[in-house]
Amino acid sequence: MNEYRLLRKALAMNVPAMLSDLTNIIRHGDLLLMGAADPVPLEVKSSANVNARVRRQQKQLRVLHEFFRDDGAANFRGVPNTKRIEVSVPLISYEEQINNCMSEAQSHGTAALIPEPGLTYICGRNDIRWAQSIDDLVMRHQTATTLIVALTPEPNWLPCRSFTASMSPANTVLFMQESITCLVLIELVVVKHLLDERALDPVIVMDGVSAIQIAPWMNKVRVSSQTKDVADDWKDRLGIFRISELHFLRTATQFESLRWFADSLAAQVEVMRGEEPQEVQDGDASLMEIPKEWLSAKDCFSAIRAEGAEKGSR
């Protein structure tokens, strides 16, 4: 009740606010004040008693406030030298397209839509009568290098943007009741090509933790390195980085463009290209050893290609 009262007080003072438990983005505080560029999380306590849990929450909020204020931290949740970089590329979203696909599936049983090359939405009624038709659509659109993401209204959606913010009210209800099957097909070869065009030298990993590895070229010129490992021309690169599967799969759960994903990643790399190198000393907390397997990483579908080439030569 105290949280709700403070929420009403903030709104009465024309300060946008929301209850933290209604979001799945910031899991801190009870109330979020949204009047500034960054959210201000607040804990609302029913008593003035202070214990270990309260002190821990206060420390977490202080760290979060400092991170927002400074756009980074020397050590943020165990990750050294963390920086917050603005996503400067305007978002390309396909919310309208996924809603149209879901509505058409509700009317006709199944539907498929390709908002851009490499990205396919397939929807169908979650009914045994339409199961084979959905399978047929998937088979028609997939290849050996297609990633198929099945969307379900379950806790593993956290901490992505909630599906309720992307779907129409009617489609949200159908989705929550699991009356509609929603599949997102991502062509990994297209993703690799998009990143390669932007001189990021990508490797598609998809190992359950990391989705993509990039080793951007220093001079932003696309270079062919098919026969070399990263270690062979290290001096020509900005570094080596990995993008988590959780981050990459937001293209599916938030119905985002693959081109926008590639452009936004390239823009972040461009920020690094403009930074002056900094000298570091042994023992510096920002120094991290690169795992050896990163230096010789191969695409997760390279074995599939090799097998196909071998069969073709027989």
Protein backbone atom coordinates (compact mmCIF):
# COMPACT_ATOMS: atom_id res chain seq x y z
CA MET A 1 0.00 0.00 0.00
CA ASN A 2 2.88 2.39 0.77
CA GLU A 3 4.30 1.76 -2.71
CA TYR A 4 0.95 2.56 -4.30
CA ARG A 5 0.52 5.71 -2.22
CA LEU A 6 3.96 6.97 -3.27
CA LEU A 7 3.11 6.12 -6.89
CA ARG A 8 -0.07 8.23 -6.69
CA LYS A 9 1.85 11.07 -5.03
CA ALA A 10 4.45 11.11 -7.82
CA LEU A 11 1.75 11.13 -10.50
CA ALA A 12 -0.06 13.94 -8.70
CA MET A 13 3.18 15.97 -8.93
CA ASN A 14 3.36 15.24 -12.70
CA VAL A 15 6.33 12.89 -12.28
CA PRO A 16 5.94 9.74 -14.42
CA ALA A 17 6.27 6.69 -12.20
CA MET A 18 5.61 2.97 -12.22
CA LEU A 19 5.74 0.03 -9.85
CA SER A 20 8.94 -1.95 -10.40
CA ASP A 21 7.15 -5.28 -10.10
CA LEU A 22 5.22 -4.44 -13.28
CA THR A 23 8.44 -4.32 -15.32
CA ASN A 24 11.00 -6.94 -16.24
CA ILE A 25 13.80 -4.54 -17.14
CA ILE A 26 15.08 -3.11 -13.84
CA ARG A 27 14.76 -5.54 -10.97
CA HIS A 28 15.68 -3.03 -8.28
CA GLY A 29 13.60 -0.89 -6.01
CA ASP A 30 9.85 -0.86 -5.47
CA LEU A 31 9.07 2.28 -7.43
CA LEU A 32 10.60 3.82 -10.55
CA LEU A 33 10.51 7.58 -11.06
CA MET A 34 10.69 8.26 -14.81
CA GLY A 35 10.84 12.07 -14.95
CA ALA A 36 14.46 12.27 -16.14
CA ALA A 37 16.50 10.61 -18.87
CA ASP A 38 17.35 7.72 -16.53
CA PRO A 39 15.00 5.89 -14.14
CA VAL A 40 15.33 6.54 -10.42
CA PRO A 41 14.56 3.36 -8.44
CA LEU A 42 13.33 3.80 -4.86
CA GLU A 43 12.87 1.31 -2.05
CA VAL A 44 9.67 1.80 -0.05
CA LYS A 45 9.82 0.46 3.50
CA SER A 46 7.02 0.10 6.00
CA SER A 47 9.37 0.62 8.95
CA ALA A 48 12.61 2.43 9.79
CA ASN A 49 14.36 -0.75 10.92
CA VAL A 50 17.66 -1.47 9.17
CA ASN A 51 19.03 -4.99 8.75
CA ALA A 52 21.53 -6.74 6.48
CA ARG A 53 18.98 -7.12 3.67
CA VAL A 54 18.07 -3.43 3.77
CA ARG A 55 21.73 -2.39 3.76
CA ARG A 56 22.37 -4.70 0.78
CA GLN A 57 19.45 -3.16 -1.13
CA GLN A 58 20.68 0.34 -0.34
CA LYS A 59 24.15 -0.53 -1.61
CA GLN A 60 22.73 -2.00 -4.84
CA LEU A 61 20.66 1.12 -5.46
CA ARG A 62 23.68 3.36 -4.80
CA VAL A 63 25.77 1.38 -7.31
CA LEU A 64 22.96 1.61 -9.87
CA HIS A 65 22.55 5.38 -9.33
CA GLU A 66 26.31 5.88 -9.78
CA PHE A 67 26.28 3.77 -12.95
CA PHE A 68 23.50 5.89 -14.47
CA ARG A 69 25.17 9.12 -13.35
CA ASP A 70 28.63 8.26 -14.68
CA ASP A 71 27.54 6.22 -17.72
CA GLY A 72 29.74 3.41 -16.50
CA ALA A 73 31.75 1.99 -13.63
CA ALA A 74 35.23 0.68 -12.93
CA ASN A 75 33.54 -2.51 -11.78
CA PHE A 76 29.83 -3.13 -12.32
CA ARG A 77 28.42 -6.41 -10.99
CA GLY A 78 31.80 -8.07 -11.32
CA VAL A 79 32.51 -6.78 -14.83
CA PRO A 80 35.49 -4.40 -14.94
CA ASN A 81 35.61 -1.19 -16.99
CA THR A 82 31.90 -1.23 -17.88
CA LYS A 83 30.60 1.59 -20.08
CA ARG A 84 27.08 2.57 -21.03
CA ILE A 85 26.92 3.58 -24.69
CA GLU A 86 23.89 5.21 -26.23
CA VAL A 87 22.20 3.29 -29.03
CA SER A 88 22.30 6.03 -31.65
CA VAL A 89 20.83 4.11 -34.58
CA PRO A 90 17.03 4.59 -34.81
CA LEU A 91 15.24 1.35 -33.97
CA ILE A 92 13.65 -0.64 -36.79
CA SER A 93 10.82 -2.66 -35.25
CA TYR A 94 8.41 -5.11 -36.85
CA GLU A 95 5.67 -4.97 -34.21
CA GLU A 96 3.03 -4.18 -36.83
CA GLN A 97 4.15 -7.11 -38.97
CA ILE A 98 4.08 -9.70 -36.15
CA ASN A 99 0.62 -8.49 -35.10
CA ASN A 100 -0.63 -8.78 -38.67
CA CYS A 101 0.83 -12.27 -38.90
CA MET A 102 -0.85 -13.35 -35.66
CA SER A 103 -4.19 -11.88 -36.71
CA GLU A 104 -4.04 -13.60 -40.09
CA ALA A 105 -3.22 -16.91 -38.41
CA GLN A 106 -6.21 -16.52 -36.14
CA SER A 107 -8.44 -15.95 -39.18
CA HIS A 108 -6.95 -18.49 -41.60
CA GLY A 109 -5.18 -21.04 -39.40
CA THR A 110 -1.58 -20.23 -40.37
CA ALA A 111 0.42 -17.30 -41.70
CA ALA A 112 4.01 -16.52 -42.71
CA LEU A 113 5.61 -13.13 -43.20
CA ILE A 114 9.14 -12.04 -44.20
CA PRO A 115 9.73 -8.46 -43.01
CA GLU A 116 13.31 -8.46 -44.34
CA PRO A 117 15.79 -10.96 -45.81
CA GLY A 118 16.90 -13.48 -43.21
CA LEU A 119 13.94 -12.93 -40.89
CA THR A 120 10.66 -14.86 -41.06
CA TYR A 121 7.61 -14.87 -38.79
CA ILE A 122 5.40 -17.97 -38.76
CA CYS A 123 2.19 -18.07 -36.74
CA GLY A 124 -0.55 -20.63 -36.45
CA ARG A 125 -3.44 -21.73 -34.33
CA ASN A 126 -2.25 -24.00 -31.54
CA ASP A 127 -4.60 -26.74 -32.65
CA ILE A 128 -3.86 -30.28 -33.81
CA ARG A 129 -5.70 -29.53 -37.07
CA TRP A 130 -3.08 -26.94 -38.00
CA ALA A 131 0.06 -28.61 -36.61
CA GLN A 132 1.09 -30.16 -39.94
CA SER A 133 0.48 -26.90 -41.82
CA ILE A 134 2.76 -25.06 -39.38
CA ASP A 135 5.45 -27.75 -39.82
CA ASP A 136 5.12 -27.45 -43.59
CA LEU A 137 5.61 -23.67 -43.41
CA VAL A 138 8.73 -24.10 -41.27
CA MET A 139 10.17 -26.69 -43.65
CA ARG A 140 9.48 -24.38 -46.59
CA HIS A 141 11.35 -21.43 -45.07
CA GLN A 142 14.22 -23.04 -43.13
CA THR A 143 17.68 -24.07 -44.30
CA ALA A 144 20.53 -25.91 -42.61
CA THR A 145 21.69 -22.59 -41.10
CA THR A 146 18.34 -21.33 -39.83
CA LEU A 147 17.84 -20.61 -36.12
CA ILE A 148 14.23 -21.28 -35.06
CA VAL A 149 13.03 -19.41 -31.97
CA ALA A 150 9.71 -20.57 -30.49
CA LEU A 151 8.08 -17.75 -28.52
CA THR A 152 6.17 -18.72 -25.38
CA PRO A 153 4.78 -16.54 -22.57
CA GLU A 154 7.05 -18.00 -19.91
CA PRO A 155 9.58 -16.61 -17.39
CA ASN A 156 12.50 -17.17 -19.80
CA TRP A 157 11.24 -14.03 -21.57
CA LEU A 158 12.95 -12.06 -18.79
CA PRO A 159 14.70 -9.65 -18.94
CA CYS A 160 13.68 -8.77 -22.50
CA ARG A 161 11.03 -6.20 -23.29
CA SER A 162 7.70 -7.75 -22.40
CA PHE A 163 5.63 -9.22 -25.24
CA THR A 164 2.66 -7.28 -23.84
CA ALA A 165 4.37 -4.10 -25.05
CA SER A 166 4.65 -5.40 -28.63
CA MET A 167 1.41 -7.24 -29.22
CA SER A 168 -2.09 -5.83 -29.58
CA PRO A 169 -4.46 -6.48 -26.65
CA ALA A 170 -6.28 -9.22 -28.57
CA ASN A 171 -3.05 -10.93 -29.67
CA THR A 172 -1.61 -10.61 -26.16
CA VAL A 173 -4.55 -12.54 -24.73
CA LEU A 174 -4.30 -15.24 -27.43
CA PHE A 175 -0.55 -15.51 -26.84
CA MET A 176 -0.91 -15.73 -23.04
CA GLN A 177 -3.57 -18.42 -23.44
CA GLU A 178 -1.20 -20.23 -25.85
CA SER A 179 -3.91 -20.25 -28.50
CA ILE A 180 -1.38 -19.03 -31.08
CA THR A 181 2.00 -20.56 -31.95
CA CYS A 182 4.65 -17.95 -32.84
CA LEU A 183 7.96 -18.87 -34.44
CA VAL A 184 10.78 -16.55 -35.49
CA LEU A 185 13.22 -17.92 -38.08
CA ILE A 186 16.61 -16.21 -38.26
CA GLU A 187 18.96 -17.06 -41.10
CA LEU A 188 22.40 -17.06 -39.46
CA VAL A 189 24.23 -16.81 -42.79
CA VAL A 190 22.43 -13.50 -43.41
CA VAL A 191 23.39 -12.25 -39.93
CA LYS A 192 27.03 -13.14 -40.62
CA HIS A 193 26.91 -11.34 -43.97
CA LEU A 194 25.40 -8.19 -42.41
CA LEU A 195 28.12 -8.05 -39.76
CA ASP A 196 30.84 -8.90 -42.25
CA GLU A 197 29.75 -5.99 -44.46
CA ARG A 198 30.40 -3.70 -41.49
CA ALA A 199 34.00 -4.91 -41.04
CA LEU A 200 33.24 -6.74 -37.79
CA ASP A 201 34.65 -10.11 -38.92
CA PRO A 202 31.94 -12.16 -37.20
CA VAL A 203 31.88 -15.77 -36.08
CA ILE A 204 28.48 -17.30 -35.33
CA VAL A 205 28.97 -19.19 -32.04
CA MET A 206 25.52 -20.10 -30.59
CA ASP A 207 26.97 -22.26 -27.79
CA GLY A 208 24.24 -21.62 -25.25
CA VAL A 209 25.98 -18.57 -23.78
CA SER A 210 27.45 -16.52 -26.62
CA ALA A 211 25.70 -15.95 -29.94
CA ILE A 212 28.31 -14.09 -31.96
CA GLN A 213 32.00 -13.24 -31.73
CA ILE A 214 33.36 -10.15 -33.46
CA ALA A 215 36.93 -8.98 -33.96
CA PRO A 216 36.46 -5.56 -35.65
CA TRP A 217 39.11 -4.28 -38.03
CA MET A 218 40.95 -1.19 -36.91
CA ASN A 219 40.49 0.75 -40.17
CA LYS A 220 36.83 -0.18 -40.83
CA VAL A 221 37.75 -1.78 -44.15
CA ARG A 222 36.28 -5.18 -44.84
CA VAL A 223 39.09 -7.72 -45.13
CA SER A 224 38.84 -11.37 -46.07
CA SER A 225 40.24 -13.54 -43.29
CA GLN A 226 38.71 -16.90 -44.14
CA THR A 227 42.06 -18.68 -43.97
CA LYS A 228 43.40 -16.89 -40.89
CA ASP A 229 42.72 -16.93 -37.17
CA VAL A 230 42.34 -13.73 -35.17
CA ALA A 231 45.77 -14.28 -33.60
CA ASP A 232 47.45 -14.03 -37.03
CA ASP A 233 46.60 -10.34 -37.55
CA TRP A 234 45.85 -9.15 -34.03
CA LYS A 235 47.55 -5.77 -34.53
CA ASP A 236 45.00 -4.81 -37.22
CA ARG A 237 41.99 -5.26 -34.92
CA LEU A 238 40.29 -3.27 -32.17
CA GLY A 239 39.94 -6.34 -30.02
CA ILE A 240 37.75 -9.40 -29.68
CA PHE A 241 34.25 -9.39 -28.20
CA ARG A 242 31.32 -11.74 -27.70
CA ILE A 243 27.62 -10.93 -27.83
CA SER A 244 25.43 -13.03 -25.55
CA GLU A 245 22.60 -15.16 -26.88
CA LEU A 246 20.22 -13.25 -24.61
CA HIS A 247 21.18 -9.98 -26.29
CA PHE A 248 21.04 -11.36 -29.82
CA LEU A 249 17.72 -13.15 -29.30
CA ARG A 250 16.05 -9.84 -28.54
CA THR A 251 15.77 -9.60 -32.31
CA ALA A 252 13.16 -12.35 -31.89
CA THR A 253 11.49 -11.49 -28.57
CA GLN A 254 11.35 -7.75 -29.32
CA PHE A 255 10.63 -8.17 -33.05
CA GLU A 256 13.64 -6.14 -34.16
CA SER A 257 15.36 -5.86 -37.52
CA LEU A 258 18.51 -7.88 -38.22
CA ARG A 259 19.86 -4.91 -40.18
CA TRP A 260 19.23 -2.67 -37.18
CA PHE A 261 21.02 -5.17 -34.91
CA ALA A 262 24.05 -5.08 -37.22
CA ASP A 263 23.97 -1.27 -37.56
CA SER A 264 23.64 -0.67 -33.81
CA LEU A 265 26.51 -3.06 -33.07
CA ALA A 266 28.65 -1.37 -35.73
CA ALA A 267 27.84 2.04 -34.21
CA GLN A 268 29.04 0.87 -30.79
CA VAL A 269 32.26 -0.38 -32.36
CA GLU A 270 32.65 2.99 -34.10
CA VAL A 271 32.63 4.68 -30.69
CA MET A 272 35.57 2.49 -29.71
CA ARG A 273 37.39 3.36 -32.92
CA GLY A 274 37.24 7.02 -31.92
CA GLU A 275 38.72 6.47 -28.47
CA GLU A 276 42.39 7.02 -27.71
CA PRO A 277 44.23 3.92 -26.48
CA GLN A 278 44.94 3.96 -22.75
CA GLU A 279 48.04 2.65 -21.07
CA VAL A 280 47.48 -0.06 -18.49
CA GLN A 281 49.79 -1.73 -16.02
CA ASP A 282 50.04 -5.37 -15.01
CA GLY A 283 47.49 -6.08 -12.33
CA ASP A 284 45.01 -3.51 -13.65
CA ALA A 285 41.45 -4.71 -12.92
CA SER A 286 40.38 -3.89 -16.47
CA LEU A 287 42.80 -6.44 -17.96
CA MET A 288 41.11 -9.68 -18.95
CA GLU A 289 42.75 -12.68 -20.58
CA ILE A 290 41.17 -13.72 -23.87
CA PRO A 291 40.24 -17.43 -23.85
CA LYS A 292 42.35 -19.36 -26.33
CA GLU A 293 39.30 -20.84 -28.05
CA TRP A 294 38.21 -17.31 -29.03
CA LEU A 295 41.34 -16.93 -31.15
CA SER A 296 40.47 -19.92 -33.33
CA ALA A 297 36.67 -19.80 -33.18
CA LYS A 298 34.72 -21.19 -36.15
CA ASP A 299 31.10 -20.73 -37.19
CA CYS A 300 28.76 -23.20 -35.52
CA PHE A 301 27.47 -24.18 -38.97
CA SER A 302 30.91 -24.64 -40.58
CA ALA A 303 30.69 -28.40 -39.95
CA ILE A 304 27.33 -28.48 -41.75
CA ARG A 305 28.86 -26.71 -44.76
CA ALA A 306 31.86 -29.04 -44.79
CA GLU A 307 29.58 -32.07 -44.68
CA GLY A 308 27.47 -30.69 -47.53
CA ALA A 309 30.57 -29.99 -49.64
CA GLU A 310 31.82 -33.53 -49.01
CA LYS A 311 28.50 -35.03 -50.10
CA GLY A 312 28.46 -32.83 -53.20
CA SER A 313 31.90 -34.05 -54.29
CA ARG A 314 30.89 -37.71 -54.15
